[in-house]
Amino acid sequence: MGEIYVYHDLFGYILKMSPDILAFLERFEGDRVLPEEVCRDNANAFGEMTPESFVGIFLQFGCLIIPGYDQLKDLWDYIPVRSRWNVWTRVGGTLTFYAAWGERELAKVALTEAETAIWDRIDGEAKLDDLAADFGKPAVSELVKKLAHNSVQALKLSALPMSFYKHKQHMKPPYLTSTMPYAPYDAKTDTLPPGFEDMFSPEGYYRHDVSDADAQFDHQETTLSHLFRRPHPALRGRTYGETLIDALKRRWASLEVGSGGKVKILEIGGGLGWVARHVTEALEKFGTEVTYHILELSPTLAAKQRENTAGLSVTIFEGDALTADLPGDDYDLVISNEMIGDLTAIKLTHAQLGMGGEEGIDDDAFEAGLDTLGIAGELVKKHTVPIGDAPDPFYLNVGAWQLIERLWGAIKPGGHAILTEFGELGRYPVLSTQLDHPELSIHFGQLTIVARSVGFETDYEFVMDLIDMNREMKGLATTRSYFRALTAALADHDIALDKFGYTKPMFLNLLGDKLRPGKTLGEIEYDNLEDRLMGLVPHEFKALLLTKPLSH
């Protein structure tokens, strides 16, 4: 069952609630509703929580008001605060705001000169009443209604000035810096959005739903390698693929790189083909004979890979990495770059496995529970994967484990593999959404245990260290929704913005003399590359490095 967020169009409050709580809130709609009756009818609906406790929260955040009451009367002691991730341009004395939350259509809101003057006075300290003294309550209230609305989200209202939080950032209410990019939902007319299935696979998504290969990586599912697909100053003027193969050939002397050398490579899930192209070109530059295969699930992506690797010794095969016959069994190197988070996984609870009781794990119930899980239970037993410390509920990266097993038969003795993805050594998989499909982070500790059980020698490293990225260089920080809005704003000024890892000088060069951040374009943020680049957090990406011993 999907999550529901309630957004207040005047104050900018954001409340997360379950469908049953929303249904309870909607019971209060109407002029003749008696709160006592609604609470009595729902007396036992929320476990240990009483209905009255929710009513208090609803009143606090303006979800419930007295019929006929005008909430505008409550505004004037509040302090208007500019939201994060605003996009606007200034032409002359007027501003135009751009918003494109989630998959919603682009919203453009043009302010008058008078409204722009009010906006320019908003500093996070002055109350609305102070602004009204200079501009009048009607003008100020209209601007609040226009910019705080869920379609724009450029303004929030705070009970306290921002200076109060200067040394107490942990006390700042989250709604002041949060946005709501989700699709509108009407409980009366819309079907509840589905929750993610307990057992899921990306097969249907990638085989049927990727209609535009470039849009897939520009908006839906940007990867670190995509942001560095062109030569980049943080990689000393090289691409991701170039730096990756350079790092691997320095690490593994057994890769026969150089004049007369031969290297056979398999890439599992090749994205748009840029890694394959740049790895192949870099090796051929050294005089190495390269055989490069890609195994790709999506026909749309496979077609794009053929286009982007045309003229090179790259062959694309279509199939599921967990079930299809692999193209060979004697690879020197296998690359799985930012794709194992899409593979099949399973969601489990403590109750299913006899875990979490007062006496700890019930061994008999645990074994019996594993027997009901099919391949997931078999792999836990086979590789002695420890899960006694799992939270409740938890996920297991079953598909990634299966891929490790398959790689053993694909790599020749002395060969290697690299698997990159976002995740941690000791953290259980965390579910995130790439807008319209589920993706999990990787528990690299468990993945390492499986790899060693299979027979591989293993190593683990941050991807940014592996490719020697200049982590302190400043780069453009965005979210997916912000990027869409910024792209539209720049397009109106004949500036084409694509999804790339722009450094501050690169972005300023792109703008040229058409727009100036902070003056005629806002709000532009930069961050250290390791912490945020476009919508990604580079330090979250790790690499598991595998070597198949010469004898086993």
Protein backbone atom coordinates (compact mmCIF):
# COMPACT_ATOMS: atom_id res chain seq x y z
CA MET A 1 0.00 0.00 0.00
CA GLY A 2 1.42 3.37 -1.00
CA GLU A 3 2.32 6.22 1.33
CA ILE A 4 0.24 9.39 1.40
CA TYR A 5 1.51 12.90 2.04
CA VAL A 6 -0.81 15.77 2.92
CA TYR A 7 0.41 19.22 1.88
CA HIS A 8 -1.00 22.49 3.26
CA ASP A 9 -1.36 25.03 0.46
CA LEU A 10 -1.00 28.06 2.74
CA PHE A 11 1.63 27.08 5.31
CA GLY A 12 3.55 24.48 3.32
CA TYR A 13 3.21 21.81 6.02
CA ILE A 14 3.90 18.25 4.85
CA LEU A 15 2.38 15.35 6.82
CA LYS A 16 2.98 11.70 6.03
CA MET A 17 0.11 9.40 6.91
CA SER A 18 -1.30 5.98 6.18
CA PRO A 19 -4.54 5.56 4.21
CA ASP A 20 -6.56 4.75 7.34
CA ILE A 21 -5.47 8.01 9.01
CA LEU A 22 -6.41 9.94 5.87
CA ALA A 23 -9.80 8.21 5.85
CA PHE A 24 -10.26 9.24 9.49
CA LEU A 25 -9.39 12.85 8.63
CA GLU A 26 -11.89 12.90 5.79
CA ARG A 27 -14.66 11.77 8.15
CA PHE A 28 -14.65 15.34 9.49
CA GLU A 29 -15.65 16.83 6.14
CA GLY A 30 -19.05 18.54 6.20
CA ASP A 31 -20.86 21.22 8.19
CA ARG A 32 -22.79 18.97 10.60
CA VAL A 33 -20.05 16.57 11.63
CA LEU A 34 -19.61 16.14 15.38
CA PRO A 35 -15.97 15.39 16.36
CA GLU A 36 -17.12 13.37 19.37
CA GLU A 37 -19.08 11.00 17.15
CA VAL A 38 -16.21 10.57 14.68
CA CYS A 39 -13.79 9.77 17.51
CA ARG A 40 -16.26 7.38 19.13
CA ASP A 41 -16.78 5.52 15.85
CA ASN A 42 -12.99 5.10 15.52
CA ALA A 43 -12.23 4.41 19.19
CA ASN A 44 -10.35 1.15 18.54
CA ALA A 45 -9.12 1.81 15.01
CA PHE A 46 -5.52 2.82 15.75
CA GLY A 47 -4.21 0.39 18.33
CA GLU A 48 -2.69 2.18 21.32
CA MET A 49 -3.20 5.61 19.73
CA THR A 50 -6.48 7.34 20.51
CA PRO A 51 -8.46 9.14 17.79
CA GLU A 52 -8.28 12.31 19.90
CA SER A 53 -4.47 12.33 19.64
CA PHE A 54 -4.73 12.51 15.85
CA VAL A 55 -7.33 15.27 16.10
CA GLY A 56 -4.78 17.32 18.06
CA ILE A 57 -2.22 16.88 15.29
CA PHE A 58 -4.78 17.76 12.62
CA LEU A 59 -5.64 20.98 14.46
CA GLN A 60 -1.98 21.87 14.99
CA PHE A 61 -1.19 21.63 11.29
CA GLY A 62 -4.35 23.25 9.98
CA CYS A 63 -5.91 20.06 8.59
CA LEU A 64 -9.03 20.72 10.67
CA ILE A 65 -10.65 24.13 11.13
CA ILE A 66 -13.99 25.46 12.33
CA PRO A 67 -16.45 25.52 9.41
CA GLY A 68 -16.37 28.88 7.68
CA TYR A 69 -13.15 29.97 9.41
CA ASP A 70 -10.73 31.93 7.21
CA GLN A 71 -7.19 30.62 7.76
CA LEU A 72 -5.77 33.77 6.24
CA LYS A 73 -6.48 35.42 9.61
CA ASP A 74 -3.77 33.22 11.15
CA LEU A 75 -1.00 34.15 8.74
CA TRP A 76 0.20 37.52 9.89
CA ASP A 77 2.34 36.49 12.86
CA TYR A 78 4.12 33.91 10.70
CA ILE A 79 7.42 34.47 8.94
CA PRO A 80 7.66 33.70 5.21
CA VAL A 81 10.65 31.54 4.33
CA ARG A 82 11.98 30.85 0.87
CA SER A 83 11.90 27.12 0.15
CA ARG A 84 14.85 25.11 -1.05
CA TRP A 85 15.13 24.07 -4.70
CA ASN A 86 13.42 27.15 -6.10
CA VAL A 87 13.99 27.95 -9.77
CA TRP A 88 13.32 31.46 -11.02
CA THR A 89 14.53 33.91 -13.61
CA ARG A 90 14.44 37.70 -13.43
CA VAL A 91 13.78 39.88 -16.42
CA GLY A 92 13.70 43.57 -15.63
CA GLY A 93 11.68 44.04 -12.46
CA THR A 94 9.75 40.76 -12.51
CA LEU A 95 10.38 37.14 -11.55
CA THR A 96 9.09 33.96 -13.17
CA PHE A 97 9.06 30.76 -11.10
CA TYR A 98 9.45 27.30 -12.64
CA ALA A 99 8.30 24.11 -10.90
CA ALA A 100 8.12 20.53 -12.19
CA TRP A 101 7.47 18.31 -9.19
CA GLY A 102 7.86 14.60 -9.91
CA GLU A 103 6.09 13.76 -13.14
CA ARG A 104 3.71 16.71 -13.01
CA GLU A 105 3.57 19.14 -15.90
CA LEU A 106 5.81 22.19 -15.75
CA ALA A 107 4.28 25.11 -13.85
CA LYS A 108 5.39 28.65 -14.71
CA VAL A 109 4.26 31.43 -12.37
CA ALA A 110 4.99 35.00 -13.41
CA LEU A 111 5.00 37.68 -10.69
CA THR A 112 4.09 41.30 -11.18
CA GLU A 113 6.58 44.01 -10.27
CA ALA A 114 4.70 44.59 -7.01
CA GLU A 115 4.79 40.87 -6.15
CA THR A 116 8.47 40.70 -7.05
CA ALA A 117 9.15 43.57 -4.66
CA ILE A 118 7.45 41.62 -1.86
CA TRP A 119 9.49 38.50 -2.69
CA ASP A 120 12.71 40.49 -2.59
CA ARG A 121 11.88 41.59 0.95
CA ILE A 122 11.44 38.03 2.25
CA ASP A 123 14.48 37.25 4.39
CA GLY A 124 13.29 34.58 6.83
CA GLU A 125 13.12 37.15 9.64
CA ALA A 126 10.34 39.64 8.90
CA LYS A 127 6.75 38.65 9.67
CA LEU A 128 4.02 38.78 7.08
CA ASP A 129 2.48 41.56 9.15
CA ASP A 130 5.65 43.61 8.62
CA LEU A 131 5.40 43.10 4.87
CA ALA A 132 1.70 43.94 4.94
CA ALA A 133 2.51 47.29 6.55
CA ASP A 134 4.39 48.27 3.38
CA PHE A 135 2.53 46.36 0.68
CA GLY A 136 -0.96 45.78 2.09
CA LYS A 137 -2.55 42.55 3.31
CA PRO A 138 -4.39 41.74 0.06
CA ALA A 139 -1.18 41.81 -2.01
CA VAL A 140 0.83 39.82 0.54
CA SER A 141 -1.86 37.17 1.06
CA GLU A 142 -2.27 36.70 -2.70
CA LEU A 143 1.48 36.15 -3.08
CA VAL A 144 1.47 33.58 -0.26
CA LYS A 145 -1.42 31.68 -1.86
CA LYS A 146 0.37 31.74 -5.21
CA LEU A 147 3.85 30.64 -4.09
CA ALA A 148 3.03 28.30 -1.17
CA HIS A 149 0.66 26.22 -3.30
CA ASN A 150 1.65 22.58 -3.88
CA SER A 151 2.13 23.21 -7.60
CA VAL A 152 4.90 25.74 -6.85
CA GLN A 153 6.20 25.17 -3.27
CA ALA A 154 8.44 28.25 -3.40
CA LEU A 155 7.38 29.58 0.01
CA LYS A 156 6.79 28.15 3.50
CA LEU A 157 5.51 29.84 6.65
CA SER A 158 7.40 29.50 9.93
CA ALA A 159 6.38 30.35 13.48
CA LEU A 160 9.97 31.34 14.29
CA PRO A 161 12.61 33.37 12.41
CA MET A 162 15.45 31.49 10.75
CA SER A 163 17.97 33.16 13.07
CA PHE A 164 16.49 31.09 15.89
CA TYR A 165 17.79 27.94 14.19
CA LYS A 166 21.25 29.31 13.35
CA HIS A 167 22.97 27.12 15.94
CA LYS A 168 20.07 24.69 16.34
CA GLN A 169 19.60 23.26 12.86
CA HIS A 170 18.41 19.96 14.33
CA MET A 171 15.37 21.80 15.70
CA LYS A 172 14.27 23.24 12.36
CA PRO A 173 10.94 21.69 11.27
CA PRO A 174 11.62 19.38 8.30
CA TYR A 175 8.81 20.85 6.19
CA LEU A 176 10.73 24.14 5.88
CA THR A 177 13.40 22.51 3.72
CA SER A 178 11.39 19.62 2.27
CA THR A 179 9.40 19.42 -0.93
CA MET A 180 6.63 17.10 -2.08
CA PRO A 181 7.29 15.82 -5.63
CA TYR A 182 4.58 13.16 -5.61
CA ALA A 183 1.55 12.93 -7.86
CA PRO A 184 -1.71 14.43 -6.56
CA TYR A 185 -4.05 11.94 -4.91
CA ASP A 186 -7.77 12.26 -4.22
CA ALA A 187 -9.03 9.54 -1.89
CA LYS A 188 -12.56 9.92 -3.28
CA THR A 189 -11.68 9.29 -6.91
CA ASP A 190 -8.19 7.80 -7.14
CA THR A 191 -7.04 4.26 -6.56
CA LEU A 192 -4.46 3.87 -3.82
CA PRO A 193 -0.95 3.74 -5.29
CA PRO A 194 0.41 0.20 -5.02
CA GLY A 195 3.15 -0.74 -2.60
CA PHE A 196 6.23 -2.57 -3.78
CA GLU A 197 5.83 -6.33 -3.99
CA ASP A 198 7.59 -8.49 -1.43
CA MET A 199 9.42 -10.25 -4.24
CA PHE A 200 10.18 -8.12 -7.25
CA SER A 201 12.21 -8.19 -10.42
CA PRO A 202 13.01 -5.42 -12.89
CA GLU A 203 12.46 -7.71 -15.86
CA GLY A 204 9.08 -6.32 -16.87
CA TYR A 205 10.19 -2.74 -16.26
CA TYR A 206 13.29 -2.85 -18.41
CA ARG A 207 11.90 -5.08 -21.11
CA HIS A 208 8.69 -3.16 -21.69
CA ASP A 209 8.75 0.28 -20.05
CA VAL A 210 12.00 1.90 -21.22
CA SER A 211 10.77 3.80 -24.24
CA ASP A 212 13.46 6.50 -24.41
CA ALA A 213 17.00 5.39 -23.61
CA ASP A 214 18.45 8.89 -23.17
CA ALA A 215 15.56 10.04 -20.95
CA GLN A 216 16.02 6.92 -18.84
CA PHE A 217 19.44 8.10 -17.66
CA ASP A 218 18.87 11.85 -17.92
CA HIS A 219 15.80 11.82 -15.69
CA GLN A 220 14.59 8.42 -14.51
CA GLU A 221 17.76 6.73 -13.30
CA THR A 222 20.89 8.83 -13.50
CA THR A 223 24.11 6.96 -12.72
CA LEU A 224 27.52 8.16 -11.62
CA SER A 225 29.06 6.90 -14.85
CA HIS A 226 26.46 8.88 -16.83
CA LEU A 227 27.48 12.12 -15.12
CA PHE A 228 31.10 11.46 -16.14
CA ARG A 229 30.45 10.15 -19.66
CA ARG A 230 32.36 13.11 -21.10
CA PRO A 231 35.89 14.17 -20.11
CA HIS A 232 35.67 15.78 -16.68
CA PRO A 233 38.10 17.96 -14.68
CA ALA A 234 37.43 15.96 -11.51
CA LEU A 235 38.85 12.93 -13.37
CA ARG A 236 41.78 14.91 -14.79
CA GLY A 237 40.10 15.42 -18.13
CA ARG A 238 39.05 11.80 -18.61
CA THR A 239 35.76 9.92 -18.71
CA TYR A 240 34.45 7.45 -16.14
CA GLY A 241 35.22 4.49 -18.41
CA GLU A 242 38.78 5.64 -19.02
CA THR A 243 39.55 6.14 -15.34
CA LEU A 244 37.88 2.86 -14.41
CA ILE A 245 39.94 0.68 -16.75
CA ASP A 246 43.10 2.59 -15.86
CA ALA A 247 42.49 1.87 -12.16
CA LEU A 248 41.77 -1.81 -12.83
CA LYS A 249 44.83 -2.43 -15.01
CA ARG A 250 47.03 -0.84 -12.33
CA ARG A 251 45.40 -3.01 -9.66
CA TRP A 252 45.41 -6.26 -11.62
CA ALA A 253 48.62 -6.92 -13.53
CA SER A 254 47.09 -10.07 -15.00
CA LEU A 255 45.01 -7.91 -17.36
CA GLU A 256 47.14 -8.08 -20.51
CA VAL A 257 47.09 -4.41 -21.43
CA GLY A 258 49.58 -3.14 -23.98
CA SER A 259 50.97 -3.97 -27.38
CA GLY A 260 50.11 -7.55 -28.27
CA GLY A 261 47.85 -8.01 -25.26
CA LYS A 262 44.36 -9.47 -25.48
CA VAL A 263 41.48 -8.72 -23.12
CA LYS A 264 38.01 -10.23 -23.18
CA ILE A 265 35.37 -8.29 -21.24
CA LEU A 266 31.72 -8.86 -20.35
CA GLU A 267 29.56 -6.00 -19.11
CA ILE A 268 26.28 -6.89 -17.40
CA GLY A 269 23.75 -4.16 -18.19
CA GLY A 270 25.52 -1.61 -20.35
CA GLY A 271 23.49 1.56 -19.79
CA LEU A 272 23.83 3.72 -22.91
CA GLY A 273 27.08 2.05 -23.93
CA TRP A 274 29.44 4.82 -22.85
CA VAL A 275 31.44 2.68 -20.40
CA ALA A 276 31.91 0.04 -23.11
CA ARG A 277 32.99 2.64 -25.64
CA HIS A 278 35.48 4.42 -23.41
CA VAL A 279 36.96 1.24 -21.91
CA THR A 280 37.45 -0.24 -25.38
CA GLU A 281 38.96 2.95 -26.81
CA ALA A 282 41.33 3.31 -23.85
CA LEU A 283 42.57 -0.27 -24.18
CA GLU A 284 42.95 -0.08 -27.95
CA LYS A 285 44.98 3.10 -27.53
CA PHE A 286 47.56 0.92 -25.73
CA GLY A 287 47.57 -1.57 -28.61
CA THR A 288 45.42 -4.10 -26.77
CA GLU A 289 43.14 -6.41 -28.75
CA VAL A 290 39.71 -6.09 -27.14
CA THR A 291 36.70 -8.37 -27.25
CA TYR A 292 33.86 -6.62 -25.45
CA HIS A 293 30.44 -8.18 -24.85
CA ILE A 294 27.39 -6.55 -23.27
CA LEU A 295 24.49 -8.59 -21.89
CA GLU A 296 21.47 -6.27 -21.80
CA LEU A 297 17.90 -6.89 -20.63
CA SER A 298 16.23 -3.89 -22.28
CA PRO A 299 15.82 -3.93 -26.08
CA THR A 300 15.64 -0.12 -26.06
CA LEU A 301 18.94 0.21 -24.20
CA ALA A 302 20.53 -2.49 -26.36
CA ALA A 303 19.69 -0.48 -29.48
CA LYS A 304 21.26 2.63 -27.97
CA GLN A 305 24.37 0.68 -26.98
CA ARG A 306 24.81 -0.49 -30.57
CA GLU A 307 24.54 3.12 -31.73
CA ASN A 308 27.04 4.48 -29.20
CA THR A 309 29.62 1.71 -29.73
CA ALA A 310 29.42 1.60 -33.52
CA GLY A 311 32.77 0.92 -35.16
CA LEU A 312 34.26 -0.74 -32.07
CA SER A 313 34.78 -4.40 -31.18
CA VAL A 314 31.67 -4.39 -28.98
CA THR A 315 28.89 -6.97 -29.36
CA ILE A 316 25.54 -6.63 -27.61
CA PHE A 317 23.55 -9.68 -26.52
CA GLU A 318 20.01 -9.40 -25.18
CA GLY A 319 18.89 -11.42 -22.18
CA ASP A 320 18.36 -11.62 -18.43
CA ALA A 321 21.65 -11.85 -16.54
CA LEU A 322 20.12 -14.30 -14.05
CA THR A 323 18.61 -16.75 -16.55
CA ALA A 324 20.04 -16.29 -20.06
CA ASP A 325 23.08 -18.18 -21.30
CA LEU A 326 26.13 -15.98 -20.83
CA PRO A 327 27.99 -15.17 -24.07
CA GLY A 328 31.22 -16.84 -22.88
CA ASP A 329 33.05 -18.59 -20.04
CA ASP A 330 36.59 -17.26 -20.36
CA TYR A 331 36.38 -13.56 -19.58
CA ASP A 332 39.37 -11.67 -18.25
CA LEU A 333 37.09 -9.04 -16.75
CA VAL A 334 33.39 -8.71 -15.95
CA ILE A 335 31.93 -5.26 -15.27
CA SER A 336 28.60 -4.78 -13.51
CA ASN A 337 28.25 -1.04 -13.19
CA GLU A 338 25.40 0.37 -11.09
CA MET A 339 22.86 -2.33 -11.98
CA ILE A 340 22.76 -4.98 -9.23
CA GLY A 341 20.40 -2.80 -7.18
CA ASP A 342 17.77 -3.53 -9.84
CA LEU A 343 18.06 -7.30 -9.54
CA THR A 344 15.56 -9.56 -7.81
CA ALA A 345 15.26 -9.17 -4.04
CA ILE A 346 13.04 -10.51 -1.29
CA LYS A 347 11.41 -8.79 1.67
CA LEU A 348 11.19 -10.77 4.92
CA THR A 349 9.89 -10.32 8.46
CA HIS A 350 11.17 -11.68 11.75
CA ALA A 351 7.92 -13.59 12.19
CA GLN A 352 8.53 -15.55 8.99
CA LEU A 353 11.84 -16.84 10.35
CA GLY A 354 11.18 -17.20 14.07
CA MET A 355 13.38 -14.20 14.88
CA GLY A 356 13.02 -11.42 17.41
CA GLY A 357 11.32 -13.28 20.23
CA GLU A 358 12.18 -12.83 23.89
CA GLU A 359 14.51 -15.82 23.70
CA GLY A 360 16.13 -14.72 20.43
CA ILE A 361 16.07 -16.86 17.30
CA ASP A 362 14.10 -20.09 17.39
CA ASP A 363 16.48 -22.38 15.46
CA ASP A 364 13.81 -24.83 14.35
CA ALA A 365 11.44 -22.08 13.22
CA PHE A 366 14.34 -20.32 11.50
CA GLU A 367 15.30 -23.40 9.49
CA ALA A 368 11.67 -24.13 8.66
CA GLY A 369 11.18 -20.53 7.55
CA LEU A 370 14.20 -20.68 5.25
CA ASP A 371 12.80 -23.83 3.66
CA THR A 372 9.71 -21.89 2.55
CA LEU A 373 11.68 -19.14 0.78
CA GLY A 374 12.82 -21.04 -2.29
CA ILE A 375 16.06 -19.79 -3.82
CA ALA A 376 16.49 -17.11 -1.13
CA GLY A 377 16.46 -19.67 1.67
CA GLU A 378 18.71 -22.01 -0.27
CA LEU A 379 21.33 -19.29 -0.75
CA VAL A 380 21.27 -18.22 2.91
CA LYS A 381 21.97 -21.82 3.92
CA LYS A 382 24.44 -22.59 1.15
CA HIS A 383 26.64 -19.57 1.81
CA THR A 384 25.95 -19.26 5.56
CA VAL A 385 24.79 -15.67 5.14
CA PRO A 386 24.32 -14.14 8.62
CA ILE A 387 20.95 -12.44 9.04
CA GLY A 388 20.49 -12.61 12.81
CA ASP A 389 21.09 -8.85 13.10
CA ALA A 390 18.45 -7.93 10.51
CA PRO A 391 15.91 -5.18 11.26
CA ASP A 392 12.22 -5.98 10.93
CA PRO A 393 11.26 -6.10 8.11
CA PHE A 394 14.36 -6.48 5.93
CA TYR A 395 15.47 -7.15 2.37
CA LEU A 396 18.00 -9.57 0.92
CA ASN A 397 19.81 -8.90 -2.38
CA VAL A 398 19.05 -12.38 -3.69
CA GLY A 399 19.52 -11.48 -7.37
CA ALA A 400 22.98 -10.02 -6.71
CA TRP A 401 23.95 -13.23 -4.89
CA GLN A 402 22.77 -15.29 -7.86
CA LEU A 403 24.79 -13.12 -10.22
CA ILE A 404 27.93 -13.74 -8.16
CA GLU A 405 27.40 -17.49 -8.54
CA ARG A 406 26.95 -17.14 -12.30
CA LEU A 407 30.10 -15.03 -12.65
CA TRP A 408 32.22 -17.87 -11.28
CA GLY A 409 31.50 -19.86 -14.42
CA ALA A 410 31.99 -16.89 -16.74
CA ILE A 411 35.44 -15.77 -15.55
CA LYS A 412 38.61 -17.64 -16.45
CA PRO A 413 41.08 -18.58 -13.69
CA GLY A 414 43.05 -15.47 -12.79
CA GLY A 415 40.25 -13.25 -14.15
CA HIS A 416 38.42 -10.49 -12.34
CA ALA A 417 35.08 -8.76 -11.85
CA ILE A 418 33.95 -5.41 -10.51
CA LEU A 419 30.43 -4.75 -9.22
CA THR A 420 29.49 -1.16 -8.34
CA GLU A 421 26.31 0.13 -6.73
CA PHE A 422 25.15 2.34 -3.87
CA GLY A 423 25.21 0.64 -0.47
CA GLU A 424 27.26 -0.13 2.62
CA LEU A 425 29.27 -2.99 4.11
CA GLY A 426 27.06 -3.43 7.16
CA ARG A 427 23.71 -1.86 6.30
CA TYR A 428 20.77 -3.93 5.16
CA PRO A 429 19.30 -2.94 1.78
CA VAL A 430 17.28 0.27 1.77
CA LEU A 431 14.46 0.67 -0.71
CA SER A 432 14.48 3.77 -2.85
CA THR A 433 12.41 4.72 -5.85
CA GLN A 434 13.65 5.85 -9.24
CA LEU A 435 10.29 7.53 -9.85
CA ASP A 436 8.43 4.49 -11.12
CA HIS A 437 10.24 1.32 -10.09
CA PRO A 438 11.84 -0.08 -6.94
CA GLU A 439 15.58 -0.25 -6.45
CA LEU A 440 17.56 -1.45 -3.46
CA SER A 441 20.89 -0.47 -2.03
CA ILE A 442 23.38 -3.31 -1.60
CA HIS A 443 24.50 -4.99 1.62
CA PHE A 444 28.11 -5.36 0.50
CA GLY A 445 29.01 -7.34 3.60
CA GLN A 446 26.60 -10.13 2.69
CA LEU A 447 27.59 -9.91 -0.98
CA THR A 448 31.23 -10.35 0.05
CA ILE A 449 30.36 -13.42 2.13
CA VAL A 450 28.61 -15.00 -0.86
CA ALA A 451 31.54 -14.17 -3.17
CA ARG A 452 34.07 -15.73 -0.79
CA SER A 453 31.86 -18.78 -0.33
CA VAL A 454 31.78 -19.23 -4.11
CA GLY A 455 35.58 -19.07 -4.18
CA PHE A 456 36.47 -15.50 -5.14
CA GLU A 457 39.13 -13.38 -3.52
CA THR A 458 37.51 -10.05 -2.66
CA ASP A 459 38.26 -6.40 -2.05
CA TYR A 460 36.00 -3.42 -1.36
CA GLU A 461 36.47 0.25 -2.17
CA PHE A 462 34.66 3.55 -2.60
CA VAL A 463 34.08 4.12 -6.31
CA MET A 464 35.24 7.74 -6.04
CA ASP A 465 38.56 6.55 -4.59
CA LEU A 466 38.91 3.82 -7.19
CA ILE A 467 38.58 6.34 -10.04
CA ASP A 468 40.60 8.94 -8.09
CA MET A 469 37.87 11.58 -8.25
CA ASN A 470 38.70 15.05 -6.96
CA ARG A 471 36.14 14.90 -4.18
CA GLU A 472 36.55 18.49 -2.98
CA MET A 473 35.77 20.10 -6.32
CA LYS A 474 32.43 21.93 -6.30
CA GLY A 475 29.61 20.66 -8.51
CA LEU A 476 26.04 21.62 -9.35
CA ALA A 477 23.57 20.16 -6.82
CA THR A 478 20.06 19.26 -7.97
CA THR A 479 17.11 16.98 -7.41
CA ARG A 480 15.21 15.30 -10.24
CA SER A 481 12.33 17.79 -10.00
CA TYR A 482 14.67 20.76 -9.68
CA PHE A 483 16.64 19.61 -12.72
CA ARG A 484 13.46 19.49 -14.83
CA ALA A 485 12.49 22.99 -13.72
CA LEU A 486 16.00 24.36 -14.24
CA THR A 487 16.16 22.80 -17.70
CA ALA A 488 12.92 24.56 -18.65
CA ALA A 489 14.07 27.90 -17.24
CA LEU A 490 17.35 27.78 -19.16
CA ALA A 491 15.61 26.67 -22.35
CA ASP A 492 13.51 29.86 -22.22
CA HIS A 493 16.83 31.71 -22.47
CA ASP A 494 18.18 29.50 -25.30
CA ILE A 495 20.49 27.52 -23.01
CA ALA A 496 20.50 23.72 -23.38
CA LEU A 497 21.11 21.86 -20.09
CA ASP A 498 21.77 18.12 -20.20
CA LYS A 499 22.36 15.69 -17.34
CA PHE A 500 26.08 15.98 -16.71
CA GLY A 501 28.32 16.48 -13.70
CA TYR A 502 28.74 20.24 -14.03
CA THR A 503 31.39 21.88 -11.90
CA LYS A 504 30.81 25.49 -10.93
CA PRO A 505 33.07 26.89 -13.70
CA MET A 506 31.47 24.57 -16.27
CA PHE A 507 27.96 25.67 -15.31
CA LEU A 508 28.88 29.36 -15.36
CA ASN A 509 30.45 28.84 -18.78
CA LEU A 510 27.22 27.22 -19.98
CA LEU A 511 25.22 30.26 -18.85
CA GLY A 512 27.60 32.67 -20.55
CA ASP A 513 26.31 36.23 -20.37
CA LYS A 514 22.64 35.23 -20.64
CA LEU A 515 21.94 34.59 -16.94
CA ARG A 516 23.75 35.32 -13.67
CA PRO A 517 23.16 33.09 -10.62
CA GLY A 518 21.70 35.06 -7.73
CA LYS A 519 20.90 38.02 -9.97
CA THR A 520 18.83 36.82 -12.90
CA LEU A 521 18.74 33.09 -12.07
CA GLY A 522 18.00 31.34 -8.79
CA GLU A 523 18.42 29.39 -6.66
CA ILE A 524 21.70 27.71 -7.68
CA GLU A 525 23.50 25.42 -5.22
CA TYR A 526 26.95 23.86 -5.39
CA ASP A 527 28.37 21.16 -3.15
CA ASN A 528 31.54 19.10 -2.82
CA LEU A 529 31.44 16.41 -5.48
CA GLU A 530 31.69 13.63 -2.90
CA ASP A 531 28.54 14.85 -1.12
CA ARG A 532 26.23 15.76 -3.98
CA LEU A 533 26.54 16.00 -7.73
CA MET A 534 23.32 16.69 -9.58
CA GLY A 535 20.92 14.29 -7.79
CA LEU A 536 23.50 11.72 -6.69
CA VAL A 537 25.61 11.30 -3.56
CA PRO A 538 28.92 9.92 -4.92
CA HIS A 539 30.28 8.73 -1.57
CA GLU A 540 27.39 6.24 -1.35
CA PHE A 541 28.69 4.27 -4.35
CA LYS A 542 30.96 1.32 -3.56
CA ALA A 543 32.78 -1.35 -5.56
CA LEU A 544 33.20 -5.06 -4.82
CA LEU A 545 36.30 -6.33 -6.62
CA LEU A 546 36.61 -10.06 -7.32
CA THR A 547 39.47 -12.28 -8.44
CA LYS A 548 39.08 -15.92 -9.44
CA PRO A 549 42.19 -17.77 -8.22
CA LEU A 550 44.33 -19.57 -10.78
CA SER A 551 43.63 -22.80 -8.93
CA HIS A 552 40.65 -23.63 -6.75
